Amino acid sequence: MTDPLLDLADELYSLPLADFTPARDAAAKEHKADTSFAARVKALKKPSLAAWVVNLLVRRDAPQVEQVLAVGAALREAQANLDGEELRALTRQRRQLTAAVTTQARGLAHEEGVKVTQAVADQVEATLTAAMVDEGAAAAVRSGLLVAALSATGVDEVDVAAALAVPEALGFAAAPRDATPPPRPELHVVPDPEADEKARAAAARVVKDARAEVDAAREALAAAVADVDALQARALQLQAEVDELKGRIAQLESDLEENDDELVDAEDVKSEAEDALAETETQLARAEAALARLPG
């Protein structure tokens, strides 16, 4: 059984950004009989624009987000076996992937009538990057209940507590939703064909630009995924070579230990031979001296 606050928060954070505050306040009044619950509802923070864009992406394109998180998990697992040059290559590919998905998120926000500046897009990309490099950040993004953007240093764990609307959101998955239907056109008593034609042309340009951005984002994402697959295969090949070298080293170490044992035995035999030689030389000297003393 889920937390009622999480279910309500899931609804609130799926709304257009401008509708959040009035909807939250209305929900708090609706539950005023339960003062504790109403206070928790009232305490829900309005998300920043960057957080709202990420939440929108999670709900509108959950498979894409899951693919990004899956690639991030695979990269985190592979990093332990890669050298510096390969890590730099992976970082470049990760940036291409997050940039492509950020472009897609900007397109979704545009469909909702929200313009995303480059500064906000940078925060969105930083949040996606944090989700790829940190498991906790990935869970926070998946919840769809962000109120602030995330960032990762690559060294310390990402602090997600302050960026979540509800502390219990980790482990929660946002419910997907379809695009917001376009608003109904206003009815005019006297139609204006020229104005309608201008509006239609402007809308067509917006659709054309949005489609171009989506196509570019998909191409960049496909290229990034292909590069990641190639690097993962390379990592497996290198690991196999490392394992083979480790086995060879182990065999050589065993051979060296056996040789050391034989060397100790050979040195003992040598020492005994030296002692025997010294003794026989002494006996020879004595025999020669005795022979010399005998009369000729």
C-alpha atoms as a PDB file:
ATOM      1  CA  MET A   1       0.000   0.000   0.000  1.00  0.00           C
ATOM      2  CA  THR A   2       1.469   3.320  -1.058  1.00  0.00           C
ATOM      3  CA  ASP A   3       1.617   6.453   1.037  1.00  0.00           C
ATOM      4  CA  PRO A   4      -1.448   8.654   0.275  1.00  0.00           C
ATOM      5  CA  LEU A   5       0.855  11.663   0.250  1.00  0.00           C
ATOM      6  CA  LEU A   6       3.011  10.052  -2.453  1.00  0.00           C
ATOM      7  CA  ASP A   7      -0.069   9.364  -4.586  1.00  0.00           C
ATOM      8  CA  LEU A   8      -1.262  12.947  -4.183  1.00  0.00           C
ATOM      9  CA  ALA A   9       2.224  14.312  -4.834  1.00  0.00           C
ATOM     10  CA  ASP A  10       2.431  12.201  -8.004  1.00  0.00           C
ATOM     11  CA  GLU A  11      -0.702  13.968  -9.263  1.00  0.00           C
ATOM     12  CA  LEU A  12       0.458  17.443  -8.249  1.00  0.00           C
ATOM     13  CA  TYR A  13       3.948  17.158  -9.763  1.00  0.00           C
ATOM     14  CA  SER A  14       2.481  15.940 -13.063  1.00  0.00           C
ATOM     15  CA  LEU A  15       0.562  19.227 -13.505  1.00  0.00           C
ATOM     16  CA  PRO A  16       1.692  22.209 -15.583  1.00  0.00           C
ATOM     17  CA  LEU A  17       4.067  24.301 -13.509  1.00  0.00           C
ATOM     18  CA  ALA A  18       1.671  27.245 -13.243  1.00  0.00           C
ATOM     19  CA  ASP A  19      -1.097  24.993 -11.872  1.00  0.00           C
ATOM     20  CA  PHE A  20       0.966  23.459  -9.079  1.00  0.00           C
ATOM     21  CA  THR A  21       0.514  26.005  -6.292  1.00  0.00           C
ATOM     22  CA  PRO A  22      -3.283  26.501  -6.631  1.00  0.00           C
ATOM     23  CA  ALA A  23      -3.807  22.734  -6.951  1.00  0.00           C
ATOM     24  CA  ARG A  24      -1.650  22.048  -3.884  1.00  0.00           C
ATOM     25  CA  ASP A  25      -3.456  24.666  -1.802  1.00  0.00           C
ATOM     26  CA  ALA A  26      -6.838  23.314  -2.914  1.00  0.00           C
ATOM     27  CA  ALA A  27      -5.770  19.786  -1.936  1.00  0.00           C
ATOM     28  CA  ALA A  28      -4.651  21.030   1.495  1.00  0.00           C
ATOM     29  CA  LYS A  29      -8.067  22.655   2.063  1.00  0.00           C
ATOM     30  CA  GLU A  30      -9.814  19.491   0.888  1.00  0.00           C
ATOM     31  CA  HIS A  31      -8.027  17.500   3.612  1.00  0.00           C
ATOM     32  CA  LYS A  32      -8.268  20.149   6.329  1.00  0.00           C
ATOM     33  CA  ALA A  33     -10.143  17.721   8.571  1.00  0.00           C
ATOM     34  CA  ASP A  34      -6.872  15.787   8.909  1.00  0.00           C
ATOM     35  CA  THR A  35      -4.664  18.626  10.109  1.00  0.00           C
ATOM     36  CA  SER A  36      -1.465  16.556  10.046  1.00  0.00           C
ATOM     37  CA  PHE A  37      -1.970  15.373   6.468  1.00  0.00           C
ATOM     38  CA  ALA A  38      -3.093  18.819   5.318  1.00  0.00           C
ATOM     39  CA  ALA A  39       0.092  20.315   6.750  1.00  0.00           C
ATOM     40  CA  ARG A  40       2.207  17.790   4.849  1.00  0.00           C
ATOM     41  CA  VAL A  41       0.358  18.644   1.640  1.00  0.00           C
ATOM     42  CA  LYS A  42       0.805  22.372   2.231  1.00  0.00           C
ATOM     43  CA  ALA A  43       4.540  21.810   2.789  1.00  0.00           C
ATOM     44  CA  LEU A  44       5.036  20.361  -0.715  1.00  0.00           C
ATOM     45  CA  LYS A  45       7.400  22.717  -2.548  1.00  0.00           C
ATOM     46  CA  LYS A  46       6.821  24.060  -6.010  1.00  0.00           C
ATOM     47  CA  PRO A  47       9.481  22.517  -8.287  1.00  0.00           C
ATOM     48  CA  SER A  48      12.098  24.634  -9.993  1.00  0.00           C
ATOM     49  CA  LEU A  49      11.739  24.870 -13.762  1.00  0.00           C
ATOM     50  CA  ALA A  50      14.617  22.423 -14.313  1.00  0.00           C
ATOM     51  CA  ALA A  51      13.133  19.921 -11.835  1.00  0.00           C
ATOM     52  CA  TRP A  52       9.710  20.265 -13.489  1.00  0.00           C
ATOM     53  CA  VAL A  53      11.250  19.543 -16.916  1.00  0.00           C
ATOM     54  CA  VAL A  54      12.934  16.372 -15.569  1.00  0.00           C
ATOM     55  CA  ASN A  55       9.676  15.286 -13.895  1.00  0.00           C
ATOM     56  CA  LEU A  56       7.877  15.895 -17.199  1.00  0.00           C
ATOM     57  CA  LEU A  57      10.432  13.784 -19.073  1.00  0.00           C
ATOM     58  CA  VAL A  58      10.033  10.932 -16.577  1.00  0.00           C
ATOM     59  CA  ARG A  59       6.256  10.894 -17.017  1.00  0.00           C
ATOM     60  CA  ARG A  60       6.089  11.515 -20.759  1.00  0.00           C
ATOM     61  CA  ASP A  61       8.968   9.279 -21.884  1.00  0.00           C
ATOM     62  CA  ALA A  62       9.605   6.733 -19.110  1.00  0.00           C
ATOM     63  CA  PRO A  63      11.243   4.140 -21.452  1.00  0.00           C
ATOM     64  CA  GLN A  64      13.800   6.717 -22.575  1.00  0.00           C
ATOM     65  CA  VAL A  65      14.618   7.643 -18.968  1.00  0.00           C
ATOM     66  CA  GLU A  66      14.925   3.978 -17.997  1.00  0.00           C
ATOM     67  CA  GLN A  67      17.348   3.432 -20.894  1.00  0.00           C
ATOM     68  CA  VAL A  68      19.485   6.357 -19.688  1.00  0.00           C
ATOM     69  CA  LEU A  69      19.502   4.981 -16.134  1.00  0.00           C
ATOM     70  CA  ALA A  70      20.317   1.475 -17.378  1.00  0.00           C
ATOM     71  CA  VAL A  71      23.266   2.775 -19.397  1.00  0.00           C
ATOM     72  CA  GLY A  72      24.426   4.714 -16.330  1.00  0.00           C
ATOM     73  CA  ALA A  73      24.296   1.573 -14.185  1.00  0.00           C
ATOM     74  CA  ALA A  74      26.280  -0.361 -16.809  1.00  0.00           C
ATOM     75  CA  LEU A  75      28.901   2.372 -16.988  1.00  0.00           C
ATOM     76  CA  ARG A  76      29.276   2.477 -13.205  1.00  0.00           C
ATOM     77  CA  GLU A  77      29.867  -1.280 -13.215  1.00  0.00           C
ATOM     78  CA  ALA A  78      32.350  -1.096 -16.100  1.00  0.00           C
ATOM     79  CA  GLN A  79      34.420   1.785 -14.725  1.00  0.00           C
ATOM     80  CA  ALA A  80      36.231  -0.428 -12.218  1.00  0.00           C
ATOM     81  CA  ASN A  81      38.005  -2.270 -15.049  1.00  0.00           C
ATOM     82  CA  LEU A  82      38.862   0.633 -17.347  1.00  0.00           C
ATOM     83  CA  ASP A  83      41.982   2.761 -17.644  1.00  0.00           C
ATOM     84  CA  GLY A  84      42.138   6.552 -17.751  1.00  0.00           C
ATOM     85  CA  GLU A  85      41.871   6.906 -21.529  1.00  0.00           C
ATOM     86  CA  GLU A  86      38.819   4.651 -21.730  1.00  0.00           C
ATOM     87  CA  LEU A  87      37.177   6.464 -18.822  1.00  0.00           C
ATOM     88  CA  ARG A  88      37.621   9.754 -20.657  1.00  0.00           C
ATOM     89  CA  ALA A  89      36.016   8.216 -23.729  1.00  0.00           C
ATOM     90  CA  LEU A  90      33.081   6.952 -21.651  1.00  0.00           C
ATOM     91  CA  THR A  91      32.653  10.396 -20.143  1.00  0.00           C
ATOM     92  CA  ARG A  92      32.413  11.927 -23.616  1.00  0.00           C
ATOM     93  CA  GLN A  93      29.805   9.370 -24.655  1.00  0.00           C
ATOM     94  CA  ARG A  94      27.835   9.976 -21.460  1.00  0.00           C
ATOM     95  CA  ARG A  95      27.792  13.698 -22.207  1.00  0.00           C
ATOM     96  CA  GLN A  96      26.500  13.045 -25.722  1.00  0.00           C
ATOM     97  CA  LEU A  97      23.722  10.868 -24.335  1.00  0.00           C
ATOM     98  CA  THR A  98      22.625  13.334 -21.648  1.00  0.00           C
ATOM     99  CA  ALA A  99      22.774  16.215 -24.154  1.00  0.00           C
ATOM    100  CA  ALA A 100      20.530  14.305 -26.576  1.00  0.00           C
ATOM    101  CA  VAL A 101      17.964  13.447 -23.899  1.00  0.00           C
ATOM    102  CA  THR A 102      18.053  17.034 -22.599  1.00  0.00           C
ATOM    103  CA  THR A 103      17.165  18.233 -26.094  1.00  0.00           C
ATOM    104  CA  GLN A 104      14.256  15.815 -26.096  1.00  0.00           C
ATOM    105  CA  ALA A 105      13.133  17.113 -22.673  1.00  0.00           C
ATOM    106  CA  ARG A 106      13.220  20.688 -24.003  1.00  0.00           C
ATOM    107  CA  GLY A 107      10.981  19.566 -26.848  1.00  0.00           C
ATOM    108  CA  LEU A 108       8.458  18.081 -24.409  1.00  0.00           C
ATOM    109  CA  ALA A 109       8.456  21.304 -22.381  1.00  0.00           C
ATOM    110  CA  HIS A 110       7.912  23.252 -25.604  1.00  0.00           C
ATOM    111  CA  GLU A 111       4.825  21.118 -26.304  1.00  0.00           C
ATOM    112  CA  GLU A 112       3.554  22.182 -22.876  1.00  0.00           C
ATOM    113  CA  GLY A 113       4.045  25.828 -23.833  1.00  0.00           C
ATOM    114  CA  VAL A 114       7.155  26.279 -21.652  1.00  0.00           C
ATOM    115  CA  LYS A 115      10.359  27.771 -23.016  1.00  0.00           C
ATOM    116  CA  VAL A 116      13.536  26.274 -21.553  1.00  0.00           C
ATOM    117  CA  THR A 117      16.568  28.552 -21.565  1.00  0.00           C
ATOM    118  CA  GLN A 118      20.110  27.222 -21.973  1.00  0.00           C
ATOM    119  CA  ALA A 119      20.789  27.825 -18.258  1.00  0.00           C
ATOM    120  CA  VAL A 120      17.802  25.663 -17.312  1.00  0.00           C
ATOM    121  CA  ALA A 121      18.779  23.055 -19.921  1.00  0.00           C
ATOM    122  CA  ASP A 122      22.241  22.870 -18.316  1.00  0.00           C
ATOM    123  CA  GLN A 123      20.569  22.074 -14.962  1.00  0.00           C
ATOM    124  CA  VAL A 124      18.437  19.394 -16.620  1.00  0.00           C
ATOM    125  CA  GLU A 125      21.541  17.829 -18.179  1.00  0.00           C
ATOM    126  CA  ALA A 126      23.402  18.002 -14.842  1.00  0.00           C
ATOM    127  CA  THR A 127      20.482  16.170 -13.197  1.00  0.00           C
ATOM    128  CA  LEU A 128      20.535  13.416 -15.834  1.00  0.00           C
ATOM    129  CA  THR A 129      24.312  13.125 -15.447  1.00  0.00           C
ATOM    130  CA  ALA A 130      23.933  12.771 -11.666  1.00  0.00           C
ATOM    131  CA  ALA A 131      21.350  10.019 -12.246  1.00  0.00           C
ATOM    132  CA  MET A 132      23.834   8.151 -14.462  1.00  0.00           C
ATOM    133  CA  VAL A 133      26.761   8.321 -12.045  1.00  0.00           C
ATOM    134  CA  ASP A 134      24.890   7.889  -8.735  1.00  0.00           C
ATOM    135  CA  GLU A 135      22.367   5.183  -7.817  1.00  0.00           C
ATOM    136  CA  GLY A 136      20.517   7.386  -5.300  1.00  0.00           C
ATOM    137  CA  ALA A 137      20.165  10.193  -7.832  1.00  0.00           C
ATOM    138  CA  ALA A 138      18.781   7.665 -10.337  1.00  0.00           C
ATOM    139  CA  ALA A 139      16.072   6.658  -7.842  1.00  0.00           C
ATOM    140  CA  ALA A 140      15.273  10.310  -7.163  1.00  0.00           C
ATOM    141  CA  VAL A 141      14.845  11.057 -10.879  1.00  0.00           C
ATOM    142  CA  ARG A 142      12.701   7.947 -11.391  1.00  0.00           C
ATOM    143  CA  SER A 143      10.289   9.156  -8.673  1.00  0.00           C
ATOM    144  CA  GLY A 144       9.239  12.189 -10.728  1.00  0.00           C
ATOM    145  CA  LEU A 145       9.025  14.160  -7.479  1.00  0.00           C
ATOM    146  CA  LEU A 146      12.031  16.445  -7.821  1.00  0.00           C
ATOM    147  CA  VAL A 147      11.756  20.001  -6.551  1.00  0.00           C
ATOM    148  CA  ALA A 148      15.330  20.989  -7.406  1.00  0.00           C
ATOM    149  CA  ALA A 149      17.992  20.018  -9.906  1.00  0.00           C
ATOM    150  CA  LEU A 150      20.740  17.544  -8.955  1.00  0.00           C
ATOM    151  CA  SER A 151      24.469  17.661  -9.539  1.00  0.00           C
ATOM    152  CA  ALA A 152      27.261  15.133  -9.035  1.00  0.00           C
ATOM    153  CA  THR A 153      30.943  15.640  -8.256  1.00  0.00           C
ATOM    154  CA  GLY A 154      31.845  12.118  -9.323  1.00  0.00           C
ATOM    155  CA  VAL A 155      33.487  11.543  -5.931  1.00  0.00           C
ATOM    156  CA  ASP A 156      30.902  11.944  -3.170  1.00  0.00           C
ATOM    157  CA  GLU A 157      27.381  10.528  -3.169  1.00  0.00           C
ATOM    158  CA  VAL A 158      24.693  12.899  -4.423  1.00  0.00           C
ATOM    159  CA  ASP A 159      22.620  14.460  -1.624  1.00  0.00           C
ATOM    160  CA  VAL A 160      19.086  13.895  -2.906  1.00  0.00           C
ATOM    161  CA  ALA A 161      17.140  14.580   0.302  1.00  0.00           C
ATOM    162  CA  ALA A 162      16.783  18.334  -0.280  1.00  0.00           C
ATOM    163  CA  ALA A 163      15.826  17.818  -3.935  1.00  0.00           C
ATOM    164  CA  LEU A 164      12.834  15.526  -3.234  1.00  0.00           C
ATOM    165  CA  ALA A 165       9.327  16.704  -2.469  1.00  0.00           C
ATOM    166  CA  VAL A 166       8.788  13.796  -0.074  1.00  0.00           C
ATOM    167  CA  PRO A 167      11.642  11.970   1.712  1.00  0.00           C
ATOM    168  CA  GLU A 168       9.892   8.634   1.110  1.00  0.00           C
ATOM    169  CA  ALA A 169      10.005   9.198  -2.667  1.00  0.00           C
ATOM    170  CA  LEU A 170      13.104   7.018  -3.126  1.00  0.00           C
ATOM    171  CA  GLY A 171      11.831   3.750  -4.519  1.00  0.00           C
ATOM    172  CA  PHE A 172       8.661   5.403  -5.858  1.00  0.00           C
ATOM    173  CA  ALA A 173       8.105   5.484  -9.624  1.00  0.00           C
ATOM    174  CA  ALA A 174       6.124   8.287 -11.249  1.00  0.00           C
ATOM    175  CA  ALA A 175       3.004   7.304 -13.137  1.00  0.00           C
ATOM    176  CA  PRO A 176       3.344   7.925 -16.890  1.00  0.00           C
ATOM    177  CA  ARG A 177       0.971  10.330 -18.542  1.00  0.00           C
ATOM    178  CA  ASP A 178       0.083  11.406 -22.063  1.00  0.00           C
ATOM    179  CA  ALA A 179       0.699  14.819 -23.502  1.00  0.00           C
ATOM    180  CA  THR A 180      -1.594  17.580 -22.310  1.00  0.00           C
ATOM    181  CA  PRO A 181      -4.334  18.015 -24.930  1.00  0.00           C
ATOM    182  CA  PRO A 182      -4.164  21.339 -26.744  1.00  0.00           C
ATOM    183  CA  PRO A 183      -6.503  24.031 -25.415  1.00  0.00           C
ATOM    184  CA  ARG A 184      -9.799  24.511 -27.177  1.00  0.00           C
ATOM    185  CA  PRO A 185      -9.707  27.362 -29.694  1.00  0.00           C
ATOM    186  CA  GLU A 186     -11.519  30.500 -28.729  1.00  0.00           C
ATOM    187  CA  LEU A 187     -14.764  31.134 -30.580  1.00  0.00           C
ATOM    188  CA  HIS A 188     -15.134  34.467 -32.315  1.00  0.00           C
ATOM    189  CA  VAL A 189     -18.389  35.934 -33.488  1.00  0.00           C
ATOM    190  CA  VAL A 190     -16.627  37.368 -36.553  1.00  0.00           C
ATOM    191  CA  PRO A 191     -13.946  34.975 -37.915  1.00  0.00           C
ATOM    192  CA  ASP A 192     -10.611  36.424 -38.986  1.00  0.00           C
ATOM    193  CA  PRO A 193      -9.197  34.227 -41.791  1.00  0.00           C
ATOM    194  CA  GLU A 194      -5.962  36.205 -42.041  1.00  0.00           C
ATOM    195  CA  ALA A 195      -5.244  35.817 -38.312  1.00  0.00           C
ATOM    196  CA  ASP A 196      -6.051  32.104 -38.483  1.00  0.00           C
ATOM    197  CA  GLU A 197      -3.660  31.679 -41.410  1.00  0.00           C
ATOM    198  CA  LYS A 198      -0.864  33.453 -39.530  1.00  0.00           C
ATOM    199  CA  ALA A 199      -1.467  31.320 -36.445  1.00  0.00           C
ATOM    200  CA  ARG A 200      -1.465  28.157 -38.569  1.00  0.00           C
ATOM    201  CA  ALA A 201       1.808  29.148 -40.225  1.00  0.00           C
ATOM    202  CA  ALA A 202       3.406  29.930 -36.870  1.00  0.00           C
ATOM    203  CA  ALA A 203       2.226  26.613 -35.448  1.00  0.00           C
ATOM    204  CA  ALA A 204       3.591  24.773 -38.488  1.00  0.00           C
ATOM    205  CA  ARG A 205       6.996  26.389 -37.968  1.00  0.00           C
ATOM    206  CA  VAL A 206       6.986  25.357 -34.308  1.00  0.00           C
ATOM    207  CA  VAL A 207       6.096  21.769 -35.255  1.00  0.00           C
ATOM    208  CA  LYS A 208       8.811  21.696 -37.933  1.00  0.00           C
ATOM    209  CA  ASP A 209      11.458  22.991 -35.516  1.00  0.00           C
ATOM    210  CA  ALA A 210      10.363  20.567 -32.790  1.00  0.00           C
ATOM    211  CA  ARG A 211      10.501  17.605 -35.191  1.00  0.00           C
ATOM    212  CA  ALA A 212      13.990  18.622 -36.316  1.00  0.00           C
ATOM    213  CA  GLU A 213      15.161  18.808 -32.696  1.00  0.00           C
ATOM    214  CA  VAL A 214      13.630  15.401 -31.897  1.00  0.00           C
ATOM    215  CA  ASP A 215      15.234  13.819 -34.989  1.00  0.00           C
ATOM    216  CA  ALA A 216      18.619  15.289 -34.069  1.00  0.00           C
ATOM    217  CA  ALA A 217      18.236  14.097 -30.491  1.00  0.00           C
ATOM    218  CA  ARG A 218      17.345  10.579 -31.616  1.00  0.00           C
ATOM    219  CA  GLU A 219      20.360  10.447 -33.957  1.00  0.00           C
ATOM    220  CA  ALA A 220      22.689  11.665 -31.201  1.00  0.00           C
ATOM    221  CA  LEU A 221      21.223   9.139 -28.767  1.00  0.00           C
ATOM    222  CA  ALA A 222      21.602   6.265 -31.248  1.00  0.00           C
ATOM    223  CA  ALA A 223      25.230   7.221 -31.852  1.00  0.00           C
ATOM    224  CA  ALA A 224      25.903   7.469 -28.115  1.00  0.00           C
ATOM    225  CA  VAL A 225      24.312   4.077 -27.427  1.00  0.00           C
ATOM    226  CA  ALA A 226      26.364   2.501 -30.238  1.00  0.00           C
ATOM    227  CA  ASP A 227      29.551   3.965 -28.793  1.00  0.00           C
ATOM    228  CA  VAL A 228      28.648   2.716 -25.320  1.00  0.00           C
ATOM    229  CA  ASP A 229      28.004  -0.795 -26.678  1.00  0.00           C
ATOM    230  CA  ALA A 230      31.382  -0.770 -28.425  1.00  0.00           C
ATOM    231  CA  LEU A 231      33.161   0.378 -25.276  1.00  0.00           C
ATOM    232  CA  GLN A 232      31.422  -2.262 -23.194  1.00  0.00           C
ATOM    233  CA  ALA A 233      32.590  -4.938 -25.661  1.00  0.00           C
ATOM    234  CA  ARG A 234      36.108  -3.515 -25.506  1.00  0.00           C
ATOM    235  CA  ALA A 235      35.966  -3.623 -21.714  1.00  0.00           C
ATOM    236  CA  LEU A 236      35.018  -7.314 -21.792  1.00  0.00           C
ATOM    237  CA  GLN A 237      37.889  -8.052 -24.192  1.00  0.00           C
ATOM    238  CA  LEU A 238      40.406  -6.221 -22.010  1.00  0.00           C
ATOM    239  CA  GLN A 239      39.153  -7.997 -18.902  1.00  0.00           C
ATOM    240  CA  ALA A 240      39.636 -11.356 -20.628  1.00  0.00           C
ATOM    241  CA  GLU A 241      43.199 -10.391 -21.494  1.00  0.00           C
ATOM    242  CA  VAL A 242      43.826  -9.260 -17.910  1.00  0.00           C
ATOM    243  CA  ASP A 243      42.486 -12.586 -16.587  1.00  0.00           C
ATOM    244  CA  GLU A 244      44.773 -14.488 -18.999  1.00  0.00           C
ATOM    245  CA  LEU A 245      47.815 -12.479 -17.865  1.00  0.00           C
ATOM    246  CA  LYS A 246      46.919 -13.049 -14.219  1.00  0.00           C
ATOM    247  CA  GLY A 247      46.824 -16.801 -14.873  1.00  0.00           C
ATOM    248  CA  ARG A 248      50.222 -16.678 -16.580  1.00  0.00           C
ATOM    249  CA  ILE A 249      51.687 -14.690 -13.677  1.00  0.00           C
ATOM    250  CA  ALA A 250      50.337 -17.239 -11.200  1.00  0.00           C
ATOM    251  CA  GLN A 251      51.972 -20.085 -13.158  1.00  0.00           C
ATOM    252  CA  LEU A 252      55.307 -18.241 -13.310  1.00  0.00           C
ATOM    253  CA  GLU A 253      55.180 -17.557  -9.570  1.00  0.00           C
ATOM    254  CA  SER A 254      54.583 -21.284  -8.963  1.00  0.00           C
ATOM    255  CA  ASP A 255      57.512 -22.184 -11.241  1.00  0.00           C
ATOM    256  CA  LEU A 256      59.728 -19.667  -9.430  1.00  0.00           C
ATOM    257  CA  GLU A 257      58.828 -21.135  -6.041  1.00  0.00           C
ATOM    258  CA  GLU A 258      59.626 -24.661  -7.281  1.00  0.00           C
ATOM    259  CA  ASN A 259      62.965 -23.478  -8.698  1.00  0.00           C
ATOM    260  CA  ASP A 260      63.833 -21.851  -5.358  1.00  0.00           C
ATOM    261  CA  ASP A 261      63.234 -25.158  -3.596  1.00  0.00           C
ATOM    262  CA  GLU A 262      65.482 -27.007  -6.077  1.00  0.00           C
ATOM    263  CA  LEU A 263      68.143 -24.303  -5.684  1.00  0.00           C
ATOM    264  CA  VAL A 264      68.225 -24.816  -1.921  1.00  0.00           C
ATOM    265  CA  ASP A 265      68.679 -28.580  -2.417  1.00  0.00           C
ATOM    266  CA  ALA A 266      71.441 -28.013  -5.008  1.00  0.00           C
ATOM    267  CA  GLU A 267      73.290 -25.661  -2.680  1.00  0.00           C
ATOM    268  CA  ASP A 268      73.178 -28.322   0.046  1.00  0.00           C
ATOM    269  CA  VAL A 269      74.662 -30.909  -2.360  1.00  0.00           C
ATOM    270  CA  LYS A 270      77.334 -28.417  -3.403  1.00  0.00           C
ATOM    271  CA  SER A 271      78.284 -27.782   0.237  1.00  0.00           C
ATOM    272  CA  GLU A 272      78.574 -31.531   0.908  1.00  0.00           C
ATOM    273  CA  ALA A 273      80.752 -31.977  -2.212  1.00  0.00           C
ATOM    274  CA  GLU A 274      83.043 -29.149  -1.100  1.00  0.00           C
ATOM    275  CA  ASP A 275      83.441 -30.804   2.343  1.00  0.00           C
ATOM    276  CA  ALA A 276      84.220 -34.202   0.738  1.00  0.00           C
ATOM    277  CA  LEU A 277      86.783 -32.621  -1.578  1.00  0.00           C
ATOM    278  CA  ALA A 278      88.534 -30.899   1.322  1.00  0.00           C
ATOM    279  CA  GLU A 279      88.682 -34.168   3.267  1.00  0.00           C
ATOM    280  CA  THR A 280      90.112 -36.158   0.342  1.00  0.00           C
ATOM    281  CA  GLU A 281      92.691 -33.453  -0.343  1.00  0.00           C
ATOM    282  CA  THR A 282      93.797 -33.689   3.312  1.00  0.00           C
ATOM    283  CA  GLN A 283      94.090 -37.467   3.057  1.00  0.00           C
ATOM    284  CA  LEU A 284      96.112 -37.102  -0.182  1.00  0.00           C
ATOM    285  CA  ALA A 285      98.536 -34.674   1.476  1.00  0.00           C
ATOM    286  CA  ARG A 286      99.064 -37.079   4.376  1.00  0.00           C
ATOM    287  CA  ALA A 287      99.707 -40.007   2.005  1.00  0.00           C
ATOM    288  CA  GLU A 288     102.208 -37.988   0.000  1.00  0.00           C
ATOM    289  CA  ALA A 289     104.046 -36.936   3.201  1.00  0.00           C
ATOM    290  CA  ALA A 290     104.203 -40.553   4.388  1.00  0.00           C
ATOM    291  CA  LEU A 291     105.560 -41.671   1.046  1.00  0.00           C
ATOM    292  CA  ALA A 292     108.256 -39.037   1.162  1.00  0.00           C
ATOM    293  CA  ARG A 293     109.476 -40.243   4.532  1.00  0.00           C
ATOM    294  CA  LEU A 294     110.081 -43.787   3.338  1.00  0.00           C
ATOM    295  CA  PRO A 295     113.729 -44.589   2.375  1.00  0.00           C
ATOM    296  CA  GLY A 296     114.385 -44.566  -1.316  1.00  0.00           C
END
